[in-house]
């Protein structure tokens, strides 16, 4: 759990409001400070809680919709990342960062934004990767992060989603 720039600014605002309330003894400064501190403190555990019930699974998708078995050097393969929410509460505002070893080092790694995963629901994000070199590739964990609901704190979590792909010459 790390504070974002917004979180630091909110903490400064809380300090300024408290200072103004202490110096002037005006009641609405105290009330505004109490609301700001409550929002700040309530946002500490929420991002962590939103990521707690997530699990991920990777798979390959053939052009016809089935699974791919033979992938050759220079081919384009479709990969899917499925994010599942096992909690009763919905999870929202999630960023998925994928580290795909199949993609050439000079190409941009895929990333996704998921607006909401319903309670006990799942969301699938897919992308295409061109296999630039032959070999056996093991795709590691997926990084998911959120700063919901107000962006004051950011929580990250690595989700285990192993997949092994063999690229033939």
N, C-alpha and C. Protein backbone atom coordinates (compact mmCIF):
# COMPACT_ATOMS: atom_id res chain seq x y z
N UNK A 1 0.84 -1.16 0.00
CA UNK A 1 0.00 0.00 0.00
C UNK A 1 0.90 1.24 0.00
N UNK A 2 0.82 2.00 -1.06
CA UNK A 2 1.64 3.21 -1.15
C UNK A 2 0.74 4.41 -1.41
N UNK A 3 1.04 5.52 -0.79
CA UNK A 3 0.23 6.73 -1.06
C UNK A 3 0.58 7.30 -2.43
N UNK A 4 -0.41 7.81 -3.10
CA UNK A 4 -0.20 8.46 -4.38
C UNK A 4 0.00 9.96 -4.13
N UNK A 5 0.20 10.70 -5.19
CA UNK A 5 0.35 12.15 -5.07
C UNK A 5 -0.93 12.76 -4.50
N UNK A 6 -2.07 12.23 -4.92
CA UNK A 6 -3.34 12.71 -4.37
C UNK A 6 -3.42 12.46 -2.87
N UNK A 7 -2.91 11.31 -2.42
CA UNK A 7 -2.93 11.01 -1.00
C UNK A 7 -2.08 11.97 -0.19
N UNK A 8 -0.92 12.32 -0.72
CA UNK A 8 -0.06 13.28 -0.04
C UNK A 8 -0.71 14.66 0.00
N UNK A 9 -1.33 15.06 -1.11
CA UNK A 9 -2.02 16.35 -1.15
C UNK A 9 -3.19 16.35 -0.16
N UNK A 10 -3.90 15.24 -0.06
CA UNK A 10 -5.02 15.15 0.88
C UNK A 10 -4.52 15.26 2.32
N UNK A 11 -3.37 14.66 2.61
CA UNK A 11 -2.79 14.76 3.95
C UNK A 11 -2.39 16.20 4.26
N UNK A 12 -1.85 16.90 3.28
CA UNK A 12 -1.49 18.31 3.48
C UNK A 12 -2.75 19.14 3.71
N UNK A 13 -3.82 18.86 2.95
CA UNK A 13 -5.08 19.58 3.14
C UNK A 13 -5.62 19.33 4.55
N UNK A 14 -5.52 18.09 5.03
CA UNK A 14 -5.96 17.79 6.40
C UNK A 14 -5.17 18.61 7.41
N UNK A 15 -3.86 18.72 7.21
CA UNK A 15 -3.02 19.50 8.11
C UNK A 15 -3.35 20.98 8.08
N UNK A 16 -3.58 21.52 6.89
CA UNK A 16 -3.93 22.94 6.76
C UNK A 16 -5.28 23.23 7.41
N UNK A 17 -6.25 22.34 7.18
CA UNK A 17 -7.56 22.54 7.80
C UNK A 17 -7.48 22.48 9.32
N UNK A 18 -6.68 21.55 9.83
CA UNK A 18 -6.53 21.47 11.28
C UNK A 18 -5.84 22.73 11.82
N UNK A 19 -4.82 23.18 11.11
CA UNK A 19 -4.13 24.41 11.54
C UNK A 19 -5.06 25.61 11.54
N UNK A 20 -5.88 25.75 10.50
CA UNK A 20 -6.84 26.85 10.45
C UNK A 20 -7.87 26.74 11.57
N UNK A 21 -8.32 25.52 11.84
CA UNK A 21 -9.31 25.33 12.90
C UNK A 21 -8.71 25.65 14.26
N UNK A 22 -7.49 25.24 14.48
CA UNK A 22 -6.83 25.47 15.77
C UNK A 22 -6.56 26.96 15.99
N UNK A 23 -6.18 27.66 14.92
CA UNK A 23 -5.85 29.08 15.05
C UNK A 23 -7.09 29.96 15.17
N UNK A 24 -8.17 29.62 14.46
CA UNK A 24 -9.34 30.50 14.42
C UNK A 24 -10.49 30.03 15.29
N UNK A 25 -10.51 28.77 15.67
CA UNK A 25 -11.59 28.16 16.44
C UNK A 25 -12.95 28.32 15.76
N UNK A 26 -12.93 28.23 14.44
CA UNK A 26 -14.17 28.28 13.66
C UNK A 26 -14.65 26.84 13.48
N UNK A 27 -15.90 26.60 13.79
CA UNK A 27 -16.44 25.24 13.84
C UNK A 27 -16.43 24.50 12.52
N UNK A 28 -16.69 25.19 11.42
CA UNK A 28 -16.75 24.46 10.16
C UNK A 28 -15.37 24.02 9.69
N UNK A 29 -14.29 24.68 10.14
CA UNK A 29 -12.94 24.16 9.85
C UNK A 29 -12.74 22.81 10.54
N UNK A 30 -13.21 22.69 11.78
CA UNK A 30 -13.13 21.41 12.48
C UNK A 30 -13.94 20.34 11.76
N UNK A 31 -15.13 20.71 11.32
CA UNK A 31 -15.99 19.75 10.61
C UNK A 31 -15.36 19.32 9.28
N UNK A 32 -14.84 20.28 8.54
CA UNK A 32 -14.20 19.96 7.26
C UNK A 32 -12.96 19.10 7.47
N UNK A 33 -12.20 19.39 8.52
CA UNK A 33 -11.02 18.59 8.83
C UNK A 33 -11.43 17.16 9.21
N UNK A 34 -12.49 17.02 9.98
CA UNK A 34 -12.94 15.68 10.38
C UNK A 34 -13.38 14.87 9.16
N UNK A 35 -14.07 15.49 8.23
CA UNK A 35 -14.50 14.79 7.02
C UNK A 35 -13.29 14.40 6.17
N UNK A 36 -12.34 15.31 6.02
CA UNK A 36 -11.14 15.02 5.22
C UNK A 36 -10.31 13.90 5.85
N UNK A 37 -10.16 13.91 7.16
CA UNK A 37 -9.41 12.85 7.84
C UNK A 37 -10.14 11.52 7.72
N UNK A 38 -11.47 11.53 7.83
CA UNK A 38 -12.25 10.30 7.69
C UNK A 38 -12.10 9.71 6.28
N UNK A 39 -12.18 10.55 5.27
CA UNK A 39 -11.99 10.08 3.89
C UNK A 39 -10.59 9.51 3.73
N UNK A 40 -9.59 10.19 4.25
CA UNK A 40 -8.21 9.72 4.15
C UNK A 40 -8.03 8.36 4.82
N UNK A 41 -8.54 8.22 6.04
CA UNK A 41 -8.35 6.97 6.79
C UNK A 41 -9.16 5.82 6.21
N UNK A 42 -10.34 6.09 5.69
CA UNK A 42 -11.14 5.03 5.09
C UNK A 42 -10.55 4.52 3.78
N UNK A 43 -9.76 5.35 3.11
CA UNK A 43 -9.17 4.93 1.84
C UNK A 43 -7.89 4.13 2.00
N UNK A 44 -7.40 3.96 3.20
CA UNK A 44 -6.19 3.16 3.39
C UNK A 44 -6.46 1.67 3.10
N UNK A 45 -7.48 1.04 3.69
CA UNK A 45 -7.64 -0.40 3.44
C UNK A 45 -8.44 -0.77 2.19
N UNK A 46 -9.17 0.16 1.60
CA UNK A 46 -10.06 -0.19 0.49
C UNK A 46 -9.31 -0.76 -0.72
N UNK A 47 -8.22 -0.16 -1.22
CA UNK A 47 -7.55 -0.77 -2.38
C UNK A 47 -7.04 -2.18 -2.11
N UNK A 48 -6.51 -2.41 -0.93
CA UNK A 48 -6.04 -3.76 -0.59
C UNK A 48 -7.22 -4.73 -0.57
N UNK A 49 -8.33 -4.31 -0.01
CA UNK A 49 -9.51 -5.17 0.08
C UNK A 49 -10.05 -5.52 -1.30
N UNK A 50 -9.99 -4.59 -2.25
CA UNK A 50 -10.50 -4.83 -3.59
C UNK A 50 -9.69 -5.88 -4.33
N UNK A 51 -8.39 -5.97 -4.06
CA UNK A 51 -7.53 -6.94 -4.76
C UNK A 51 -7.47 -8.30 -4.07
N UNK A 52 -7.99 -8.39 -2.87
CA UNK A 52 -7.84 -9.59 -2.06
C UNK A 52 -8.49 -10.82 -2.68
N UNK A 53 -9.63 -10.71 -3.28
CA UNK A 53 -10.36 -11.87 -3.78
C UNK A 53 -10.14 -12.18 -5.25
N UNK A 54 -9.13 -11.59 -5.87
CA UNK A 54 -8.92 -11.81 -7.30
C UNK A 54 -8.02 -13.01 -7.56
N UNK A 55 -8.30 -13.71 -8.65
CA UNK A 55 -7.42 -14.75 -9.15
C UNK A 55 -7.35 -14.60 -10.67
N UNK A 56 -6.30 -15.13 -11.27
CA UNK A 56 -6.11 -14.96 -12.71
C UNK A 56 -5.77 -16.30 -13.36
N UNK A 57 -6.09 -16.37 -14.65
CA UNK A 57 -5.78 -17.55 -15.43
C UNK A 57 -5.45 -17.09 -16.84
N UNK A 58 -4.42 -17.69 -17.43
CA UNK A 58 -4.04 -17.38 -18.81
C UNK A 58 -4.39 -18.55 -19.71
N UNK A 59 -4.63 -18.24 -20.97
CA UNK A 59 -4.85 -19.29 -21.97
C UNK A 59 -4.51 -18.74 -23.34
N UNK A 60 -4.30 -19.66 -24.27
CA UNK A 60 -4.06 -19.27 -25.66
C UNK A 60 -5.33 -19.49 -26.44
N UNK A 61 -5.53 -18.67 -27.45
CA UNK A 61 -6.75 -18.75 -28.26
C UNK A 61 -6.34 -18.94 -29.72
N UNK A 62 -6.88 -19.97 -30.34
CA UNK A 62 -6.63 -20.21 -31.76
C UNK A 62 -7.54 -19.29 -32.58
N UNK A 63 -7.20 -19.05 -33.84
CA UNK A 63 -8.06 -18.20 -34.67
C UNK A 63 -9.50 -18.69 -34.76
N UNK A 64 -9.74 -20.01 -34.69
CA UNK A 64 -11.10 -20.55 -34.75
C UNK A 64 -11.81 -20.51 -33.41
N UNK A 65 -11.12 -20.17 -32.34
CA UNK A 65 -11.73 -20.10 -31.02
C UNK A 65 -11.26 -21.17 -30.08
N UNK A 66 -10.57 -22.19 -30.57
CA UNK A 66 -10.09 -23.27 -29.71
C UNK A 66 -8.72 -22.97 -29.15
N UNK A 67 -8.06 -24.00 -28.61
CA UNK A 67 -6.71 -23.84 -28.06
C UNK A 67 -5.67 -24.07 -29.16
N UNK A 68 -4.55 -23.38 -29.05
CA UNK A 68 -3.48 -23.56 -30.02
C UNK A 68 -2.51 -24.60 -29.49
N UNK A 69 -2.04 -25.43 -30.37
CA UNK A 69 -1.06 -26.46 -29.98
C UNK A 69 0.29 -26.18 -30.62
N UNK A 70 0.30 -25.83 -31.91
CA UNK A 70 1.55 -25.60 -32.63
C UNK A 70 1.69 -24.13 -32.96
N UNK A 71 2.74 -23.52 -32.41
CA UNK A 71 3.04 -22.12 -32.68
C UNK A 71 4.43 -22.07 -33.28
N UNK A 72 4.57 -21.39 -34.40
CA UNK A 72 5.85 -21.32 -35.08
C UNK A 72 6.41 -19.91 -35.02
N UNK A 73 7.71 -19.80 -35.21
CA UNK A 73 8.40 -18.52 -35.17
C UNK A 73 7.82 -17.59 -36.23
N UNK A 74 7.46 -16.38 -35.83
CA UNK A 74 6.87 -15.40 -36.73
C UNK A 74 5.35 -15.41 -36.72
N UNK A 75 4.75 -16.43 -36.13
CA UNK A 75 3.28 -16.50 -36.04
C UNK A 75 2.77 -15.50 -35.01
N UNK A 76 1.51 -15.16 -35.16
CA UNK A 76 0.84 -14.33 -34.17
C UNK A 76 -0.07 -15.23 -33.36
N UNK A 77 0.07 -15.14 -32.05
CA UNK A 77 -0.73 -15.96 -31.15
C UNK A 77 -1.61 -15.04 -30.31
N UNK A 78 -2.82 -15.47 -30.06
CA UNK A 78 -3.74 -14.70 -29.22
C UNK A 78 -3.70 -15.27 -27.81
N UNK A 79 -3.49 -14.40 -26.85
CA UNK A 79 -3.45 -14.80 -25.45
C UNK A 79 -4.59 -14.12 -24.71
N UNK A 80 -5.15 -14.82 -23.75
CA UNK A 80 -6.25 -14.28 -22.96
C UNK A 80 -5.89 -14.33 -21.48
N UNK A 81 -6.21 -13.27 -20.78
CA UNK A 81 -6.04 -13.20 -19.33
C UNK A 81 -7.45 -13.10 -18.74
N UNK A 82 -7.78 -14.08 -17.91
CA UNK A 82 -9.09 -14.08 -17.27
C UNK A 82 -8.94 -13.72 -15.81
N UNK A 83 -9.63 -12.70 -15.40
CA UNK A 83 -9.60 -12.22 -14.02
C UNK A 83 -10.92 -12.62 -13.37
N UNK A 84 -10.82 -13.33 -12.24
CA UNK A 84 -12.02 -13.80 -11.55
C UNK A 84 -12.09 -13.20 -10.16
N UNK A 85 -13.27 -12.72 -9.81
CA UNK A 85 -13.52 -12.15 -8.48
C UNK A 85 -14.24 -13.21 -7.65
N UNK A 86 -13.63 -13.64 -6.56
CA UNK A 86 -14.23 -14.67 -5.71
C UNK A 86 -14.97 -14.08 -4.52
N UNK A 87 -15.03 -12.77 -4.42
CA UNK A 87 -15.69 -12.13 -3.28
C UNK A 87 -17.14 -11.80 -3.60
N UNK A 88 -17.91 -11.47 -2.55
CA UNK A 88 -19.30 -11.09 -2.73
C UNK A 88 -19.46 -9.65 -3.18
N UNK A 89 -18.44 -8.85 -2.97
CA UNK A 89 -18.49 -7.44 -3.37
C UNK A 89 -17.81 -7.28 -4.73
N UNK A 90 -18.29 -6.36 -5.57
CA UNK A 90 -17.63 -6.13 -6.85
C UNK A 90 -16.28 -5.44 -6.66
N UNK A 91 -15.42 -5.66 -7.61
CA UNK A 91 -14.10 -5.03 -7.63
C UNK A 91 -14.07 -4.10 -8.83
N UNK A 92 -13.49 -2.90 -8.66
CA UNK A 92 -13.54 -1.95 -9.74
C UNK A 92 -12.23 -1.18 -9.87
N UNK A 93 -12.07 -0.56 -11.04
CA UNK A 93 -10.93 0.28 -11.40
C UNK A 93 -9.60 -0.45 -11.23
N UNK A 94 -9.43 -1.52 -11.99
CA UNK A 94 -8.23 -2.36 -11.91
C UNK A 94 -7.40 -2.19 -13.18
N UNK A 95 -6.10 -2.11 -12.99
CA UNK A 95 -5.17 -2.08 -14.11
C UNK A 95 -4.39 -3.40 -14.11
N UNK A 96 -4.32 -4.04 -15.27
CA UNK A 96 -3.59 -5.30 -15.43
C UNK A 96 -2.35 -5.01 -16.24
N UNK A 97 -1.18 -5.36 -15.70
CA UNK A 97 0.08 -5.22 -16.42
C UNK A 97 0.60 -6.61 -16.74
N UNK A 98 0.74 -6.90 -18.01
CA UNK A 98 1.19 -8.21 -18.48
C UNK A 98 2.65 -8.13 -18.88
N UNK A 99 3.43 -9.12 -18.48
CA UNK A 99 4.83 -9.24 -18.90
C UNK A 99 4.92 -10.48 -19.79
N UNK A 100 4.79 -10.30 -21.09
CA UNK A 100 4.76 -11.40 -22.03
C UNK A 100 6.14 -11.60 -22.63
N UNK A 101 6.70 -12.78 -22.41
CA UNK A 101 8.04 -13.09 -22.92
C UNK A 101 8.04 -13.37 -24.42
N UNK A 102 6.88 -13.61 -25.01
CA UNK A 102 6.79 -13.89 -26.44
C UNK A 102 7.00 -12.65 -27.29
N UNK A 103 6.72 -11.49 -26.73
CA UNK A 103 6.80 -10.24 -27.47
C UNK A 103 8.25 -9.78 -27.53
N UNK A 104 8.63 -9.22 -28.65
CA UNK A 104 9.99 -8.71 -28.83
C UNK A 104 10.29 -7.63 -27.80
N UNK A 105 11.56 -7.51 -27.37
CA UNK A 105 11.90 -6.54 -26.33
C UNK A 105 11.61 -5.08 -26.71
N UNK A 106 11.64 -4.77 -28.00
CA UNK A 106 11.40 -3.38 -28.39
C UNK A 106 9.91 -3.05 -28.53
N UNK A 107 9.03 -4.04 -28.42
CA UNK A 107 7.60 -3.80 -28.50
C UNK A 107 7.02 -3.50 -27.11
N UNK A 108 5.92 -2.79 -27.10
CA UNK A 108 5.28 -2.40 -25.85
C UNK A 108 4.52 -3.59 -25.24
N UNK A 109 4.68 -3.76 -23.94
CA UNK A 109 3.98 -4.83 -23.22
C UNK A 109 2.51 -4.46 -23.09
N UNK A 110 1.62 -5.45 -23.19
CA UNK A 110 0.19 -5.13 -23.09
C UNK A 110 -0.24 -4.78 -21.68
N UNK A 111 -1.19 -3.89 -21.59
CA UNK A 111 -1.79 -3.50 -20.32
C UNK A 111 -3.27 -3.27 -20.54
N UNK A 112 -4.06 -3.52 -19.52
CA UNK A 112 -5.51 -3.42 -19.65
C UNK A 112 -6.08 -2.65 -18.48
N UNK A 113 -7.20 -1.99 -18.73
CA UNK A 113 -7.95 -1.34 -17.68
C UNK A 113 -9.30 -2.03 -17.59
N UNK A 114 -9.65 -2.50 -16.39
CA UNK A 114 -10.92 -3.18 -16.16
C UNK A 114 -11.76 -2.26 -15.27
N UNK A 115 -12.88 -1.83 -15.77
CA UNK A 115 -13.75 -0.94 -15.02
C UNK A 115 -14.37 -1.60 -13.81
N UNK A 116 -14.89 -2.82 -13.99
CA UNK A 116 -15.52 -3.51 -12.88
C UNK A 116 -15.55 -5.01 -13.14
N UNK A 117 -15.32 -5.78 -12.07
CA UNK A 117 -15.53 -7.22 -12.10
C UNK A 117 -16.65 -7.47 -11.10
N UNK A 118 -17.76 -7.99 -11.57
CA UNK A 118 -18.93 -8.20 -10.73
C UNK A 118 -18.63 -9.20 -9.61
N UNK A 119 -19.46 -9.21 -8.61
CA UNK A 119 -19.25 -10.16 -7.52
C UNK A 119 -19.39 -11.58 -8.06
N UNK A 120 -18.40 -12.38 -7.74
CA UNK A 120 -18.30 -13.77 -8.22
C UNK A 120 -18.36 -13.84 -9.75
N UNK A 121 -17.85 -12.81 -10.40
CA UNK A 121 -17.85 -12.76 -11.86
C UNK A 121 -16.44 -12.86 -12.40
N UNK A 122 -16.35 -12.82 -13.70
CA UNK A 122 -15.05 -12.88 -14.37
C UNK A 122 -15.04 -11.96 -15.59
N UNK A 123 -13.84 -11.50 -15.91
CA UNK A 123 -13.62 -10.63 -17.05
C UNK A 123 -12.43 -11.18 -17.82
N UNK A 124 -12.54 -11.20 -19.14
CA UNK A 124 -11.45 -11.70 -19.97
C UNK A 124 -10.91 -10.58 -20.84
N UNK A 125 -9.60 -10.44 -20.85
CA UNK A 125 -8.92 -9.48 -21.71
C UNK A 125 -7.98 -10.26 -22.61
N UNK A 126 -8.00 -9.98 -23.90
CA UNK A 126 -7.15 -10.73 -24.82
C UNK A 126 -6.29 -9.77 -25.63
N UNK A 127 -5.19 -10.31 -26.11
CA UNK A 127 -4.27 -9.53 -26.93
C UNK A 127 -3.53 -10.47 -27.87
N UNK A 128 -2.93 -9.90 -28.90
CA UNK A 128 -2.15 -10.67 -29.87
C UNK A 128 -0.68 -10.41 -29.64
N UNK A 129 0.11 -11.48 -29.76
CA UNK A 129 1.56 -11.37 -29.61
C UNK A 129 2.22 -12.07 -30.79
N UNK A 130 3.18 -11.41 -31.39
CA UNK A 130 3.94 -12.03 -32.48
C UNK A 130 5.15 -12.71 -31.87
N UNK A 131 5.27 -14.01 -32.11
CA UNK A 131 6.37 -14.80 -31.57
C UNK A 131 7.62 -14.50 -32.38
N UNK A 132 8.52 -13.72 -31.82
CA UNK A 132 9.67 -13.25 -32.59
C UNK A 132 10.84 -14.21 -32.54
N UNK A 133 10.85 -15.17 -31.60
CA UNK A 133 11.98 -16.08 -31.47
C UNK A 133 11.48 -17.43 -30.98
N UNK A 134 12.11 -18.49 -31.45
CA UNK A 134 11.71 -19.83 -31.03
C UNK A 134 12.22 -20.14 -29.63
N UNK A 135 11.57 -21.11 -28.99
CA UNK A 135 11.98 -21.51 -27.65
C UNK A 135 10.78 -21.88 -26.80
N UNK A 136 11.07 -22.24 -25.57
CA UNK A 136 10.02 -22.57 -24.60
C UNK A 136 9.90 -21.38 -23.66
N UNK A 137 8.71 -20.81 -23.59
CA UNK A 137 8.49 -19.61 -22.79
C UNK A 137 7.52 -19.91 -21.66
N UNK A 138 7.90 -19.53 -20.47
CA UNK A 138 7.03 -19.62 -19.31
C UNK A 138 6.61 -18.21 -18.93
N UNK A 139 5.32 -17.96 -19.00
CA UNK A 139 4.81 -16.64 -18.65
C UNK A 139 4.57 -16.60 -17.15
N UNK A 140 5.11 -15.59 -16.51
CA UNK A 140 5.06 -15.47 -15.05
C UNK A 140 3.79 -14.85 -14.53
N UNK A 141 3.86 -14.30 -13.34
CA UNK A 141 2.67 -13.72 -12.72
C UNK A 141 2.21 -12.43 -13.39
N UNK A 142 0.97 -12.09 -13.12
CA UNK A 142 0.34 -10.89 -13.66
C UNK A 142 0.26 -9.86 -12.53
N UNK A 143 0.61 -8.62 -12.84
CA UNK A 143 0.54 -7.55 -11.86
C UNK A 143 -0.80 -6.82 -12.01
N UNK A 144 -1.58 -6.81 -10.93
CA UNK A 144 -2.83 -6.05 -10.91
C UNK A 144 -2.70 -4.95 -9.87
N UNK A 145 -3.26 -3.80 -10.17
CA UNK A 145 -3.20 -2.70 -9.22
C UNK A 145 -4.47 -1.88 -9.30
N UNK A 146 -4.76 -1.22 -8.20
CA UNK A 146 -5.91 -0.33 -8.14
C UNK A 146 -5.63 0.80 -7.17
N UNK A 147 -6.26 1.93 -7.41
CA UNK A 147 -6.17 3.08 -6.53
C UNK A 147 -7.59 3.54 -6.18
N UNK A 148 -8.54 2.62 -6.28
CA UNK A 148 -9.94 2.95 -6.02
C UNK A 148 -10.16 3.21 -4.55
N UNK A 149 -11.12 3.95 -4.15
CA UNK A 149 -12.09 4.68 -4.95
C UNK A 149 -11.67 6.10 -5.31
N UNK A 150 -10.79 6.74 -4.54
CA UNK A 150 -10.46 8.14 -4.81
C UNK A 150 -9.03 8.35 -5.27
N UNK A 151 -8.24 7.30 -5.38
CA UNK A 151 -6.88 7.43 -5.85
C UNK A 151 -5.90 7.94 -4.81
N UNK A 152 -6.21 7.80 -3.52
CA UNK A 152 -5.32 8.28 -2.48
C UNK A 152 -4.21 7.28 -2.17
N UNK A 153 -4.51 6.00 -2.28
CA UNK A 153 -3.53 4.94 -2.04
C UNK A 153 -3.59 3.94 -3.18
N UNK A 154 -2.44 3.37 -3.53
CA UNK A 154 -2.35 2.40 -4.61
C UNK A 154 -1.93 1.06 -4.03
N UNK A 155 -2.65 0.01 -4.39
CA UNK A 155 -2.31 -1.34 -3.95
C UNK A 155 -1.98 -2.18 -5.17
N UNK A 156 -0.95 -3.01 -5.05
CA UNK A 156 -0.54 -3.90 -6.13
C UNK A 156 -0.52 -5.33 -5.61
N UNK A 157 -0.76 -6.26 -6.52
CA UNK A 157 -0.72 -7.66 -6.16
C UNK A 157 -0.29 -8.46 -7.38
N UNK A 158 0.55 -9.47 -7.14
CA UNK A 158 0.94 -10.39 -8.21
C UNK A 158 0.02 -11.60 -8.15
N UNK A 159 -0.61 -11.90 -9.28
CA UNK A 159 -1.48 -13.06 -9.36
C UNK A 159 -0.79 -14.13 -10.19
N UNK A 160 -0.73 -15.32 -9.64
CA UNK A 160 -0.08 -16.43 -10.31
C UNK A 160 -0.97 -16.93 -11.45
N UNK A 161 -0.47 -16.91 -12.66
CA UNK A 161 -1.20 -17.38 -13.83
C UNK A 161 -0.20 -18.02 -14.79
N UNK A 162 0.31 -19.20 -14.45
CA UNK A 162 1.36 -19.79 -15.28
C UNK A 162 0.83 -20.28 -16.63
N UNK A 163 1.65 -20.14 -17.63
CA UNK A 163 1.35 -20.65 -18.96
C UNK A 163 2.68 -20.91 -19.65
N UNK A 164 2.80 -22.06 -20.27
CA UNK A 164 4.01 -22.40 -21.00
C UNK A 164 3.67 -22.51 -22.47
N UNK A 165 4.42 -21.82 -23.30
CA UNK A 165 4.21 -21.81 -24.74
C UNK A 165 5.50 -22.23 -25.41
N UNK A 166 5.41 -23.19 -26.34
CA UNK A 166 6.57 -23.63 -27.10
C UNK A 166 6.45 -23.07 -28.52
N UNK A 167 7.47 -22.32 -28.93
CA UNK A 167 7.49 -21.74 -30.27
C UNK A 167 8.50 -22.55 -31.08
N UNK A 168 7.99 -23.17 -32.14
CA UNK A 168 8.83 -24.03 -32.97
C UNK A 168 9.48 -23.22 -34.09
N UNK A 169 10.63 -23.70 -34.61
CA UNK A 169 11.30 -22.97 -35.71
C UNK A 169 10.56 -23.10 -37.03
